[in-house]
Amino acid sequence: MRVIAGSARSVPLLSREGQDTRPTSDRVKEAMFNILQFELEGRRVLDLFGGSGQLAIEALSRGAAHAVIVDQSKESIAVIRQNLEKTRLQAQAELVCSDYMDYLNCCRTRFDLIFLDPPYREKFLENALKRISEIDILTTNGIILCERPVEKSLPDSYTGFRSSRAYRYGKTGITLYRAGNSV
């Protein structure tokens, strides 16, 4: 696992040992950032299920202004901190050790880009999307990028944002939501 492009290009990233995290493959990450390539510069990013921090770090490396990285595991936060130091991006990032729903319930910040890459086996993705729609933290031109197993379907719209496109990469699905009217 490494940073693919930008100021921290080719820097290898650490990840936690064990089955608690599922890092995004380089192939899927590259596809995600090809989708976002013209929509990163100067953006505020939320990585709600941080893991190793690789999605937020890739966004920062490619020009995002600031990232908030949330993970409930102290071990994951320690790995993310090390990855930020290795990439020299720690000044642009805020780490939050919290459950995703607790963070959302307290969140008053608006974001241009939100990454949702939770553990697949739970309903975290659906719950996070629903809560984000209720608290209105996505900016007017904001984007939510969700990583999911291909067999998991998601609603076409929520209050404040709607599905713009879905992609498939092997067993991984990516759903892109954009701010705007919902059905």
Protein backbone atom coordinates (compact mmCIF):
# COMPACT_ATOMS: atom_id res chain seq x y z
CA MET A 1 0.00 0.00 0.00
CA ARG A 2 1.41 3.35 -1.08
CA VAL A 3 0.48 6.89 -2.04
CA ILE A 4 -0.18 6.82 -5.78
CA ALA A 5 0.27 10.45 -6.82
CA GLY A 6 0.95 13.99 -5.68
CA SER A 7 3.36 15.46 -3.15
CA ALA A 8 3.75 12.16 -1.25
CA ARG A 9 3.89 9.95 -4.34
CA SER A 10 5.31 6.45 -3.80
CA VAL A 11 5.54 6.78 0.00
CA PRO A 12 4.70 3.37 1.47
CA LEU A 13 1.90 3.39 4.05
CA LEU A 14 1.48 1.24 7.12
CA SER A 15 -1.71 -0.64 7.93
CA ARG A 16 -2.93 -2.43 11.01
CA GLU A 17 -2.30 -6.12 11.38
CA GLY A 18 -5.25 -8.49 11.56
CA GLN A 19 -8.76 -8.67 10.21
CA ASP A 20 -10.14 -5.46 11.72
CA THR A 21 -9.26 -3.36 8.68
CA ARG A 22 -9.62 -3.94 4.95
CA PRO A 23 -7.34 -1.50 3.10
CA THR A 24 -8.58 -0.32 -0.27
CA SER A 25 -6.55 -1.99 -3.02
CA ASP A 26 -4.24 0.22 -5.07
CA ARG A 27 -6.31 -0.60 -8.17
CA VAL A 28 -9.57 0.57 -6.59
CA LYS A 29 -7.90 3.59 -4.97
CA GLU A 30 -6.42 4.64 -8.31
CA ALA A 31 -9.86 4.32 -9.93
CA MET A 32 -11.46 6.37 -7.14
CA PHE A 33 -8.95 9.17 -7.57
CA ASN A 34 -9.26 9.11 -11.35
CA ILE A 35 -12.95 9.81 -10.78
CA LEU A 36 -12.07 12.71 -8.46
CA GLN A 37 -8.98 14.03 -10.25
CA PHE A 38 -10.35 17.51 -10.98
CA GLU A 39 -12.30 17.84 -7.74
CA LEU A 40 -9.62 17.70 -5.05
CA GLU A 41 -7.70 20.96 -5.14
CA GLY A 42 -8.38 23.04 -2.02
CA ARG A 43 -11.17 20.76 -0.77
CA ARG A 44 -12.11 19.88 2.83
CA VAL A 45 -12.23 16.10 3.25
CA LEU A 46 -13.84 13.76 5.77
CA ASP A 47 -12.59 10.16 5.93
CA LEU A 48 -15.17 8.69 8.29
CA PHE A 49 -13.75 5.17 8.60
CA GLY A 50 -10.03 6.01 8.58
CA GLY A 51 -8.37 2.60 8.93
CA SER A 52 -4.85 3.46 7.72
CA GLY A 53 -5.84 6.95 6.57
CA GLN A 54 -4.86 6.13 3.00
CA LEU A 55 -7.88 7.77 1.30
CA ALA A 56 -7.51 11.08 3.14
CA ILE A 57 -3.73 10.98 2.70
CA GLU A 58 -4.09 10.38 -1.05
CA ALA A 59 -6.51 13.33 -1.25
CA LEU A 60 -4.10 15.58 0.68
CA SER A 61 -1.19 14.46 -1.46
CA ARG A 62 -3.19 15.46 -4.55
CA GLY A 63 -4.06 18.94 -3.32
CA ALA A 64 -6.93 18.76 -0.82
CA ALA A 65 -6.60 21.56 1.75
CA HIS A 66 -7.56 19.74 4.94
CA ALA A 67 -8.77 16.33 6.08
CA VAL A 68 -10.56 15.08 9.17
CA ILE A 69 -9.87 11.39 9.69
CA VAL A 70 -12.12 9.49 12.08
CA ASP A 71 -11.59 6.00 13.47
CA GLN A 72 -12.78 4.43 16.70
CA SER A 73 -9.61 2.35 17.18
CA LYS A 74 -6.67 3.85 19.06
CA GLU A 75 -4.42 1.44 17.15
CA SER A 76 -5.72 2.75 13.83
CA ILE A 77 -5.26 6.35 14.96
CA ALA A 78 -1.63 5.54 15.86
CA VAL A 79 -1.06 4.03 12.38
CA ILE A 80 -2.71 7.02 10.69
CA ARG A 81 -0.52 9.40 12.71
CA GLN A 82 2.59 7.50 11.55
CA ASN A 83 1.40 7.59 7.93
CA LEU A 84 0.78 11.33 8.14
CA GLU A 85 4.27 11.84 9.53
CA LYS A 86 5.84 9.66 6.79
CA THR A 87 4.06 11.69 4.12
CA ARG A 88 4.67 15.03 5.90
CA LEU A 89 0.97 15.85 5.71
CA GLN A 90 0.20 15.96 9.44
CA ALA A 91 -0.27 19.76 9.47
CA GLN A 92 -3.20 19.41 7.06
CA ALA A 93 -4.99 16.67 8.98
CA GLU A 94 -7.05 16.36 12.13
CA LEU A 95 -7.35 12.93 13.76
CA VAL A 96 -10.47 12.04 15.73
CA CYS A 97 -10.67 8.86 17.80
CA SER A 98 -14.42 8.28 17.86
CA ASP A 99 -17.20 6.00 16.72
CA TYR A 100 -18.46 7.22 13.33
CA MET A 101 -22.00 7.87 14.57
CA ASP A 102 -20.81 9.73 17.67
CA TYR A 103 -18.68 11.92 15.42
CA LEU A 104 -21.56 12.62 13.03
CA ASN A 105 -23.90 13.41 15.91
CA CYS A 106 -21.48 16.16 17.08
CA CYS A 107 -20.27 17.34 13.66
CA ARG A 108 -20.86 20.98 12.76
CA THR A 109 -18.29 21.20 9.95
CA ARG A 110 -19.19 21.09 6.27
CA PHE A 111 -17.12 19.02 3.85
CA ASP A 112 -16.55 19.08 0.11
CA LEU A 113 -15.63 15.40 -0.09
CA ILE A 114 -16.62 12.53 2.20
CA PHE A 115 -15.08 9.06 1.97
CA LEU A 116 -17.16 6.19 3.34
CA ASP A 117 -15.26 2.89 3.36
CA PRO A 118 -16.61 1.03 6.41
CA PRO A 119 -16.33 -2.65 7.28
CA TYR A 120 -18.44 -4.49 4.70
CA ARG A 121 -20.26 -6.89 7.02
CA GLU A 122 -22.17 -4.24 8.96
CA LYS A 123 -24.80 -1.61 8.11
CA PHE A 124 -22.37 1.23 8.82
CA LEU A 125 -22.54 2.54 5.24
CA GLU A 126 -26.32 2.83 5.15
CA ASN A 127 -26.42 4.34 8.65
CA ALA A 128 -23.70 6.88 7.82
CA LEU A 129 -25.42 7.99 4.59
CA LYS A 130 -28.74 8.41 6.38
CA ARG A 131 -27.18 10.44 9.20
CA ILE A 132 -25.18 12.63 6.80
CA SER A 133 -28.42 13.46 4.98
CA GLU A 134 -30.04 14.45 8.28
CA ILE A 135 -27.27 16.77 9.50
CA ASP A 136 -26.43 18.54 6.22
CA ILE A 137 -22.61 18.50 6.34
CA LEU A 138 -22.08 18.22 2.57
CA THR A 139 -21.28 21.50 0.79
CA THR A 140 -23.28 22.71 -2.20
CA ASN A 141 -20.97 21.02 -4.71
CA GLY A 142 -19.99 18.21 -2.36
CA ILE A 143 -19.28 14.58 -3.17
CA ILE A 144 -19.64 11.38 -1.17
CA LEU A 145 -17.61 8.42 -2.39
CA CYS A 146 -18.68 5.04 -0.98
CA GLU A 147 -16.78 1.78 -1.24
CA ARG A 148 -18.97 -1.30 -0.92
CA PRO A 149 -19.19 -4.96 -1.92
CA VAL A 150 -20.79 -5.21 -5.38
CA GLU A 151 -23.71 -7.21 -4.03
CA LYS A 152 -24.72 -4.37 -1.66
CA SER A 153 -27.12 -1.95 -3.29
CA LEU A 154 -27.63 1.58 -2.04
CA PRO A 155 -30.56 3.98 -2.47
CA ASP A 156 -30.43 6.34 -5.44
CA SER A 157 -30.95 9.41 -3.29
CA TYR A 158 -31.09 10.86 0.19
CA THR A 159 -32.15 14.29 1.36
CA GLY A 160 -29.51 16.65 -0.01
CA PHE A 161 -27.64 14.29 -2.34
CA ARG A 162 -28.24 11.72 -5.05
CA SER A 163 -26.33 8.93 -6.75
CA SER A 164 -24.44 10.19 -9.74
CA ARG A 165 -22.64 7.06 -10.85
CA ALA A 166 -21.75 3.52 -9.79
CA TYR A 167 -18.61 1.64 -10.74
CA ARG A 168 -17.47 -1.96 -10.41
CA TYR A 169 -13.92 -3.20 -9.87
CA GLY A 170 -13.97 -6.96 -9.38
CA LYS A 171 -15.79 -7.60 -6.08
CA THR A 172 -15.67 -3.92 -5.09
CA GLY A 173 -18.34 -1.37 -5.94
CA ILE A 174 -17.96 2.40 -5.81
CA THR A 175 -21.00 4.66 -5.55
CA LEU A 176 -20.59 8.39 -6.14
CA TYR A 177 -23.17 10.74 -4.61
CA ARG A 178 -23.32 14.43 -5.46
CA ALA A 179 -25.01 17.19 -3.53
CA GLY A 180 -28.31 18.22 -5.04
CA ASN A 181 -32.00 17.57 -5.03
CA SER A 182 -33.14 14.16 -3.99
CA VAL A 183 -36.24 12.28 -4.97
